[in-house]
PDB file of N, CA and C in Angstrom:
ATOM      1  N   LYS A   1       1.427   5.194 -17.353  1.00  0.00           N
ATOM      2  CA  LYS A   1       0.856   6.533 -17.380  1.00  0.00           C
ATOM      3  C   LYS A   1      -0.071   6.682 -16.175  1.00  0.00           C
ATOM      4  N   PHE A   2       0.221   7.650 -15.344  1.00  0.00           N
ATOM      5  CA  PHE A   2      -0.620   7.909 -14.180  1.00  0.00           C
ATOM      6  C   PHE A   2      -1.803   8.775 -14.605  1.00  0.00           C
ATOM      7  N   VAL A   3      -2.925   8.603 -13.905  1.00  0.00           N
ATOM      8  CA  VAL A   3      -4.131   9.353 -14.251  1.00  0.00           C
ATOM      9  C   VAL A   3      -4.389  10.441 -13.223  1.00  0.00           C
ATOM     10  N   ARG A   4      -5.105  11.470 -13.675  1.00  0.00           N
ATOM     11  CA  ARG A   4      -5.664  12.495 -12.797  1.00  0.00           C
ATOM     12  C   ARG A   4      -7.155  12.474 -13.019  1.00  0.00           C
ATOM     13  N   THR A   5      -7.882  12.642 -11.959  1.00  0.00           N
ATOM     14  CA  THR A   5      -9.324  12.544 -12.072  1.00  0.00           C
ATOM     15  C   THR A   5      -9.957  13.926 -12.101  1.00  0.00           C
ATOM     16  N   ALA A   6     -11.082  14.021 -12.809  1.00  0.00           N
ATOM     17  CA  ALA A   6     -11.797  15.293 -12.903  1.00  0.00           C
ATOM     18  C   ALA A   6     -12.949  15.326 -11.917  1.00  0.00           C
ATOM     19  N   GLY A   7     -13.699  14.244 -11.842  1.00  0.00           N
ATOM     20  CA  GLY A   7     -14.820  14.182 -10.918  1.00  0.00           C
ATOM     21  C   GLY A   7     -16.130  14.673 -11.526  1.00  0.00           C
ATOM     22  N   CYS A   8     -17.210  14.230 -10.900  1.00  0.00           N
ATOM     23  CA  CYS A   8     -18.553  14.618 -11.327  1.00  0.00           C
ATOM     24  C   CYS A   8     -19.495  14.433 -10.137  1.00  0.00           C
ATOM     25  N   ALA A   9     -20.748  14.768 -10.319  1.00  0.00           N
ATOM     26  CA  ALA A   9     -21.722  14.635  -9.225  1.00  0.00           C
ATOM     27  C   ALA A   9     -21.909  13.173  -8.811  1.00  0.00           C
ATOM     28  N   ASP A  10     -21.824  12.247  -9.772  1.00  0.00           N
ATOM     29  CA  ASP A  10     -22.030  10.827  -9.452  1.00  0.00           C
ATOM     30  C   ASP A  10     -20.939  10.246  -8.551  1.00  0.00           C
ATOM     31  N   CYS A  11     -19.731  10.783  -8.666  1.00  0.00           N
ATOM     32  CA  CYS A  11     -18.622  10.231  -7.874  1.00  0.00           C
ATOM     33  C   CYS A  11     -18.231  11.129  -6.711  1.00  0.00           C
ATOM     34  N   GLY A  12     -19.019  12.171  -6.461  1.00  0.00           N
ATOM     35  CA  GLY A  12     -18.690  13.073  -5.360  1.00  0.00           C
ATOM     36  C   GLY A  12     -17.432  13.883  -5.634  1.00  0.00           C
ATOM     37  N   MET A  13     -17.151  14.149  -6.898  1.00  0.00           N
ATOM     38  CA  MET A  13     -15.997  14.932  -7.349  1.00  0.00           C
ATOM     39  C   MET A  13     -14.655  14.252  -7.063  1.00  0.00           C
ATOM     40  N   THR A  14     -14.664  12.947  -6.895  1.00  0.00           N
ATOM     41  CA  THR A  14     -13.418  12.224  -6.652  1.00  0.00           C
ATOM     42  C   THR A  14     -12.800  11.681  -7.937  1.00  0.00           C
ATOM     43  N   GLY A  15     -13.613  11.462  -8.959  1.00  0.00           N
ATOM     44  CA  GLY A  15     -13.124  10.852 -10.191  1.00  0.00           C
ATOM     45  C   GLY A  15     -13.260   9.346 -10.194  1.00  0.00           C
ATOM     46  N   PHE A  16     -13.725   8.789  -9.086  1.00  0.00           N
ATOM     47  CA  PHE A  16     -13.876   7.343  -8.964  1.00  0.00           C
ATOM     48  C   PHE A  16     -15.227   7.013  -8.372  1.00  0.00           C
ATOM     49  N   LYS A  17     -15.778   5.903  -8.806  1.00  0.00           N
ATOM     50  CA  LYS A  17     -17.002   5.391  -8.213  1.00  0.00           C
ATOM     51  C   LYS A  17     -16.715   3.954  -7.813  1.00  0.00           C
ATOM     52  N   GLY A  18     -17.032   3.605  -6.593  1.00  0.00           N
ATOM     53  CA  GLY A  18     -16.691   2.286  -6.082  1.00  0.00           C
ATOM     54  C   GLY A  18     -15.358   2.362  -5.368  1.00  0.00           C
ATOM     55  N   ARG A  19     -14.846   1.216  -4.998  1.00  0.00           N
ATOM     56  CA  ARG A  19     -13.600   1.178  -4.233  1.00  0.00           C
ATOM     57  C   ARG A  19     -12.650   0.137  -4.792  1.00  0.00           C
ATOM     58  N   VAL A  20     -11.389   0.438  -4.660  1.00  0.00           N
ATOM     59  CA  VAL A  20     -10.323  -0.508  -4.978  1.00  0.00           C
ATOM     60  C   VAL A  20      -9.439  -0.549  -3.742  1.00  0.00           C
ATOM     61  N   GLY A  21      -9.235  -1.717  -3.200  1.00  0.00           N
ATOM     62  CA  GLY A  21      -8.416  -1.834  -2.001  1.00  0.00           C
ATOM     63  C   GLY A  21      -6.937  -1.844  -2.317  1.00  0.00           C
ATOM     64  N   ILE A  22      -6.177  -1.317  -1.376  1.00  0.00           N
ATOM     65  CA  ILE A  22      -4.729  -1.499  -1.415  1.00  0.00           C
ATOM     66  C   ILE A  22      -4.376  -2.293  -0.160  1.00  0.00           C
ATOM     67  N   PHE A  23      -3.485  -3.244  -0.311  1.00  0.00           N
ATOM     68  CA  PHE A  23      -3.279  -4.218   0.748  1.00  0.00           C
ATOM     69  C   PHE A  23      -1.816  -4.417   1.097  1.00  0.00           C
ATOM     70  N   GLU A  24      -1.621  -4.893   2.311  1.00  0.00           N
ATOM     71  CA  GLU A  24      -0.312  -5.295   2.805  1.00  0.00           C
ATOM     72  C   GLU A  24      -0.553  -6.564   3.611  1.00  0.00           C
ATOM     73  N   LEU A  25       0.147  -7.616   3.273  1.00  0.00           N
ATOM     74  CA  LEU A  25      -0.017  -8.889   3.972  1.00  0.00           C
ATOM     75  C   LEU A  25       1.352  -9.389   4.397  1.00  0.00           C
ATOM     76  N   LEU A  26       1.490  -9.623   5.683  1.00  0.00           N
ATOM     77  CA  LEU A  26       2.750 -10.115   6.230  1.00  0.00           C
ATOM     78  C   LEU A  26       2.621 -11.614   6.471  1.00  0.00           C
ATOM     79  N   VAL A  27       3.413 -12.387   5.763  1.00  0.00           N
ATOM     80  CA  VAL A  27       3.466 -13.834   5.954  1.00  0.00           C
ATOM     81  C   VAL A  27       4.707 -14.127   6.778  1.00  0.00           C
ATOM     82  N   LEU A  28       4.489 -14.728   7.937  1.00  0.00           N
ATOM     83  CA  LEU A  28       5.614 -14.989   8.831  1.00  0.00           C
ATOM     84  C   LEU A  28       6.496 -16.117   8.299  1.00  0.00           C
ATOM     85  N   ASN A  29       7.788 -15.876   8.394  1.00  0.00           N
ATOM     86  CA  ASN A  29       8.769 -16.918   8.101  1.00  0.00           C
ATOM     87  C   ASN A  29       9.682 -17.023   9.320  1.00  0.00           C
ATOM     88  N   ALA A  30      10.658 -17.891   9.254  1.00  0.00           N
ATOM     89  CA  ALA A  30      11.537 -18.122  10.412  1.00  0.00           C
ATOM     90  C   ALA A  30      12.270 -16.849  10.834  1.00  0.00           C
ATOM     91  N   GLU A  31      12.757 -16.090   9.866  1.00  0.00           N
ATOM     92  CA  GLU A  31      13.480 -14.857  10.195  1.00  0.00           C
ATOM     93  C   GLU A  31      12.582 -13.855  10.917  1.00  0.00           C
ATOM     94  N   LEU A  32      11.366 -13.685  10.416  1.00  0.00           N
ATOM     95  CA  LEU A  32      10.441 -12.733  11.039  1.00  0.00           C
ATOM     96  C   LEU A  32      10.019 -13.205  12.425  1.00  0.00           C
ATOM     97  N   ARG A  33       9.795 -14.497  12.575  1.00  0.00           N
ATOM     98  CA  ARG A  33       9.454 -15.035  13.901  1.00  0.00           C
ATOM     99  C   ARG A  33      10.574 -14.768  14.907  1.00  0.00           C
ATOM    100  N   ALA A  34      11.811 -14.948  14.459  1.00  0.00           N
ATOM    101  CA  ALA A  34      12.950 -14.697  15.341  1.00  0.00           C
ATOM    102  C   ALA A  34      13.038 -13.222  15.719  1.00  0.00           C
ATOM    103  N   LEU A  35      12.791 -12.352  14.761  1.00  0.00           N
ATOM    104  CA  LEU A  35      12.819 -10.917  15.052  1.00  0.00           C
ATOM    105  C   LEU A  35      11.714 -10.533  16.037  1.00  0.00           C
ATOM    106  N   ILE A  36      10.533 -11.102  15.859  1.00  0.00           N
ATOM    107  CA  ILE A  36       9.429 -10.824  16.775  1.00  0.00           C
ATOM    108  C   ILE A  36       9.775 -11.317  18.178  1.00  0.00           C
ATOM    109  N   SER A  37      10.318 -12.532  18.254  1.00  0.00           N
ATOM    110  CA  SER A  37      10.717 -13.092  19.556  1.00  0.00           C
ATOM    111  C   SER A  37      11.779 -12.234  20.232  1.00  0.00           C
ATOM    112  N   ALA A  38      12.647 -11.632  19.416  1.00  0.00           N
ATOM    113  CA  ALA A  38      13.711 -10.788  19.943  1.00  0.00           C
ATOM    114  C   ALA A  38      13.232  -9.356  20.207  1.00  0.00           C
ATOM    115  N   LYS A  39      11.921  -9.117  20.009  1.00  0.00           N
ATOM    116  CA  LYS A  39      11.311  -7.793  20.218  1.00  0.00           C
ATOM    117  C   LYS A  39      11.970  -6.717  19.362  1.00  0.00           C
ATOM    118  N   ALA A  40      12.201  -7.071  18.094  1.00  0.00           N
ATOM    119  CA  ALA A  40      12.765  -6.113  17.137  1.00  0.00           C
ATOM    120  C   ALA A  40      11.794  -4.957  16.948  1.00  0.00           C
ATOM    121  N   ASN A  41      12.329  -3.807  16.564  1.00  0.00           N
ATOM    122  CA  ASN A  41      11.441  -2.661  16.353  1.00  0.00           C
ATOM    123  C   ASN A  41      10.743  -2.759  14.994  1.00  0.00           C
ATOM    124  N   VAL A  42       9.773  -1.892  14.793  1.00  0.00           N
ATOM    125  CA  VAL A  42       8.945  -1.930  13.588  1.00  0.00           C
ATOM    126  C   VAL A  42       9.781  -1.752  12.328  1.00  0.00           C
ATOM    127  N   THR A  43      10.764  -0.878  12.386  1.00  0.00           N
ATOM    128  CA  THR A  43      11.606  -0.631  11.212  1.00  0.00           C
ATOM    129  C   THR A  43      12.355  -1.896  10.805  1.00  0.00           C
ATOM    130  N   GLU A  44      12.922  -2.594  11.767  1.00  0.00           N
ATOM    131  CA  GLU A  44      13.638  -3.841  11.476  1.00  0.00           C
ATOM    132  C   GLU A  44      12.690  -4.890  10.897  1.00  0.00           C
ATOM    133  N   LEU A  45      11.502  -5.015  11.498  1.00  0.00           N
ATOM    134  CA  LEU A  45      10.523  -5.991  11.004  1.00  0.00           C
ATOM    135  C   LEU A  45      10.090  -5.672   9.582  1.00  0.00           C
ATOM    136  N   ARG A  46       9.801  -4.401   9.319  1.00  0.00           N
ATOM    137  CA  ARG A  46       9.360  -3.994   7.980  1.00  0.00           C
ATOM    138  C   ARG A  46      10.458  -4.258   6.952  1.00  0.00           C
ATOM    139  N   ARG A  47      11.678  -3.914   7.289  1.00  0.00           N
ATOM    140  CA  ARG A  47      12.805  -4.124   6.365  1.00  0.00           C
ATOM    141  C   ARG A  47      12.948  -5.615   6.034  1.00  0.00           C
ATOM    142  N   ALA A  48      12.883  -6.460   7.046  1.00  0.00           N
ATOM    143  CA  ALA A  48      13.012  -7.907   6.827  1.00  0.00           C
ATOM    144  C   ALA A  48      11.827  -8.451   6.031  1.00  0.00           C
ATOM    145  N   ALA A  49      10.636  -7.936   6.298  1.00  0.00           N
ATOM    146  CA  ALA A  49       9.445  -8.404   5.583  1.00  0.00           C
ATOM    147  C   ALA A  49       9.526  -8.054   4.102  1.00  0.00           C
ATOM    148  N   VAL A  50       9.912  -6.825   3.792  1.00  0.00           N
ATOM    149  CA  VAL A  50      10.036  -6.413   2.387  1.00  0.00           C
ATOM    150  C   VAL A  50      11.137  -7.219   1.706  1.00  0.00           C
ATOM    151  N   LYS A  51      12.230  -7.441   2.409  1.00  0.00           N
ATOM    152  CA  LYS A  51      13.332  -8.245   1.857  1.00  0.00           C
ATOM    153  C   LYS A  51      12.867  -9.661   1.519  1.00  0.00           C
ATOM    154  N   SER A  52      11.921 -10.177   2.323  1.00  0.00           N
ATOM    155  CA  SER A  52      11.440 -11.530   2.074  1.00  0.00           C
ATOM    156  C   SER A  52      10.272 -11.570   1.079  1.00  0.00           C
ATOM    157  N   GLY A  53       9.921 -10.403   0.505  1.00  0.00           N
ATOM    158  CA  GLY A  53       8.931 -10.411  -0.563  1.00  0.00           C
ATOM    159  C   GLY A  53       7.613  -9.712  -0.278  1.00  0.00           C
ATOM    160  N   MET A  54       7.419  -9.171   0.917  1.00  0.00           N
ATOM    161  CA  MET A  54       6.167  -8.481   1.210  1.00  0.00           C
ATOM    162  C   MET A  54       6.069  -7.187   0.415  1.00  0.00           C
ATOM    163  N   LYS A  55       4.883  -6.925  -0.142  1.00  0.00           N
ATOM    164  CA  LYS A  55       4.609  -5.638  -0.780  1.00  0.00           C
ATOM    165  C   LYS A  55       3.914  -4.759   0.246  1.00  0.00           C
ATOM    166  N   THR A  56       4.407  -3.551   0.432  1.00  0.00           N
ATOM    167  CA  THR A  56       3.764  -2.638   1.372  1.00  0.00           C
ATOM    168  C   THR A  56       2.503  -2.052   0.737  1.00  0.00           C
ATOM    169  N   MET A  57       1.683  -1.410   1.561  1.00  0.00           N
ATOM    170  CA  MET A  57       0.489  -0.753   1.026  1.00  0.00           C
ATOM    171  C   MET A  57       0.878   0.290  -0.017  1.00  0.00           C
ATOM    172  N   LEU A  58       1.950   1.010   0.243  1.00  0.00           N
ATOM    173  CA  LEU A  58       2.396   2.018  -0.715  1.00  0.00           C
ATOM    174  C   LEU A  58       2.785   1.371  -2.038  1.00  0.00           C
ATOM    175  N   MET A  59       3.518   0.273  -1.982  1.00  0.00           N
ATOM    176  CA  MET A  59       3.923  -0.420  -3.204  1.00  0.00           C
ATOM    177  C   MET A  59       2.704  -0.912  -3.983  1.00  0.00           C
ATOM    178  N   ASP A  60       1.729  -1.496  -3.278  1.00  0.00           N
ATOM    179  CA  ASP A  60       0.510  -1.987  -3.924  1.00  0.00           C
ATOM    180  C   ASP A  60      -0.270  -0.822  -4.522  1.00  0.00           C
ATOM    181  N   GLY A  61      -0.352   0.270  -3.778  1.00  0.00           N
ATOM    182  CA  GLY A  61      -1.078   1.447  -4.262  1.00  0.00           C
ATOM    183  C   GLY A  61      -0.446   2.058  -5.497  1.00  0.00           C
ATOM    184  N   VAL A  62       0.872   2.178  -5.511  1.00  0.00           N
ATOM    185  CA  VAL A  62       1.556   2.748  -6.674  1.00  0.00           C
ATOM    186  C   VAL A  62       1.342   1.855  -7.895  1.00  0.00           C
ATOM    187  N   ALA A  63       1.383   0.547  -7.711  1.00  0.00           N
ATOM    188  CA  ALA A  63       1.120  -0.371  -8.833  1.00  0.00           C
ATOM    189  C   ALA A  63      -0.291  -0.167  -9.366  1.00  0.00           C
ATOM    190  N   LYS A  64      -1.256   0.046  -8.480  1.00  0.00           N
ATOM    191  CA  LYS A  64      -2.639   0.261  -8.908  1.00  0.00           C
ATOM    192  C   LYS A  64      -2.817   1.637  -9.544  1.00  0.00           C
ATOM    193  N   ALA A  65      -2.067   2.620  -9.095  1.00  0.00           N
ATOM    194  CA  ALA A  65      -2.096   3.939  -9.739  1.00  0.00           C
ATOM    195  C   ALA A  65      -1.494   3.843 -11.139  1.00  0.00           C
ATOM    196  N   TRP A  66      -0.396   3.105 -11.269  1.00  0.00           N
ATOM    197  CA  TRP A  66       0.247   2.902 -12.569  1.00  0.00           C
ATOM    198  C   TRP A  66      -0.716   2.216 -13.543  1.00  0.00           C
ATOM    199  N   ALA A  67      -1.555   1.319 -13.008  1.00  0.00           N
ATOM    200  CA  ALA A  67      -2.531   0.606 -13.846  1.00  0.00           C
ATOM    201  C   ALA A  67      -3.775   1.451 -14.133  1.00  0.00           C
ATOM    202  N   GLY A  68      -3.835   2.668 -13.571  1.00  0.00           N
ATOM    203  CA  GLY A  68      -4.971   3.556 -13.834  1.00  0.00           C
ATOM    204  C   GLY A  68      -6.182   3.303 -12.958  1.00  0.00           C
ATOM    205  N   LEU A  69      -6.017   2.508 -11.903  1.00  0.00           N
ATOM    206  CA  LEU A  69      -7.149   2.180 -11.034  1.00  0.00           C
ATOM    207  C   LEU A  69      -7.391   3.223  -9.956  1.00  0.00           C
ATOM    208  N   THR A  70      -6.390   4.046  -9.688  1.00  0.00           N
ATOM    209  CA  THR A  70      -6.492   5.097  -8.680  1.00  0.00           C
ATOM    210  C   THR A  70      -5.470   6.172  -9.010  1.00  0.00           C
ATOM    211  N   THR A  71      -5.333   7.166  -8.144  1.00  0.00           N
ATOM    212  CA  THR A  71      -4.353   8.230  -8.360  1.00  0.00           C
ATOM    213  C   THR A  71      -3.274   8.168  -7.283  1.00  0.00           C
ATOM    214  N   LEU A  72      -2.148   8.775  -7.567  1.00  0.00           N
ATOM    215  CA  LEU A  72      -1.082   8.843  -6.571  1.00  0.00           C
ATOM    216  C   LEU A  72      -1.532   9.637  -5.347  1.00  0.00           C
ATOM    217  N   GLU A  73      -2.359  10.658  -5.559  1.00  0.00           N
ATOM    218  CA  GLU A  73      -2.865  11.444  -4.437  1.00  0.00           C
ATOM    219  C   GLU A  73      -3.683  10.581  -3.492  1.00  0.00           C
ATOM    220  N   GLU A  74      -4.529   9.726  -4.056  1.00  0.00           N
ATOM    221  CA  GLU A  74      -5.359   8.857  -3.227  1.00  0.00           C
ATOM    222  C   GLU A  74      -4.502   7.807  -2.517  1.00  0.00           C
ATOM    223  N   VAL A  75      -3.507   7.295  -3.197  1.00  0.00           N
ATOM    224  CA  VAL A  75      -2.593   6.328  -2.572  1.00  0.00           C
ATOM    225  C   VAL A  75      -1.862   6.999  -1.418  1.00  0.00           C
ATOM    226  N   SER A  76      -1.383   8.195  -1.635  1.00  0.00           N
ATOM    227  CA  SER A  76      -0.675   8.927  -0.584  1.00  0.00           C
ATOM    228  C   SER A  76      -1.574   9.146   0.630  1.00  0.00           C
ATOM    229  N   ARG A  77      -2.825   9.475   0.392  1.00  0.00           N
ATOM    230  CA  ARG A  77      -3.768   9.706   1.485  1.00  0.00           C
ATOM    231  C   ARG A  77      -4.037   8.420   2.250  1.00  0.00           C
ATOM    232  N   ALA A  78      -4.200   7.322   1.525  1.00  0.00           N
ATOM    233  CA  ALA A  78      -4.640   6.069   2.130  1.00  0.00           C
ATOM    234  C   ALA A  78      -3.514   5.235   2.734  1.00  0.00           C
ATOM    235  N   ALA A  79      -2.312   5.391   2.223  1.00  0.00           N
ATOM    236  CA  ALA A  79      -1.225   4.477   2.638  1.00  0.00           C
ATOM    237  C   ALA A  79      -0.043   5.241   3.207  1.00  0.00           C
ATOM    238  N   LYS A  80      -0.270   5.946   4.238  1.00  0.00           N
ATOM    239  CA  LYS A  80       0.830   6.691   4.856  1.00  0.00           C
ATOM    240  C   LYS A  80       1.825   5.695   5.438  1.00  0.00           C
ATOM    241  N   GLU A  81       2.969   5.594   4.762  1.00  0.00           N
ATOM    242  CA  GLU A  81       4.003   4.641   5.168  1.00  0.00           C
ATOM    243  C   GLU A  81       4.748   5.147   6.385  1.00  0.00           C
ATOM    244  N   MET A  82       5.260   4.213   7.172  1.00  0.00           N
ATOM    245  CA  MET A  82       6.080   4.572   8.334  1.00  0.00           C
ATOM    246  C   MET A  82       7.471   4.900   7.899  1.00  0.00           C
TER     247      MET A  82
END
């Protein structure tokens, strides 16, 4: 269940107080190293990284929105995917 926030004076009308990070971490493996050496474009690198298990910022954000930690609107604002 996704949440929508109402906001108040304490949270600056955002519905949240404090911060929750959304993250993307690329761990290099042999395939990614070869693509980098071959000067592959960003799309090719991203596709290979996700295939090898990387979660994008958008994926992490949607999981956190699903858990009620943030909203889809905030994820969309913060994690503009390529």
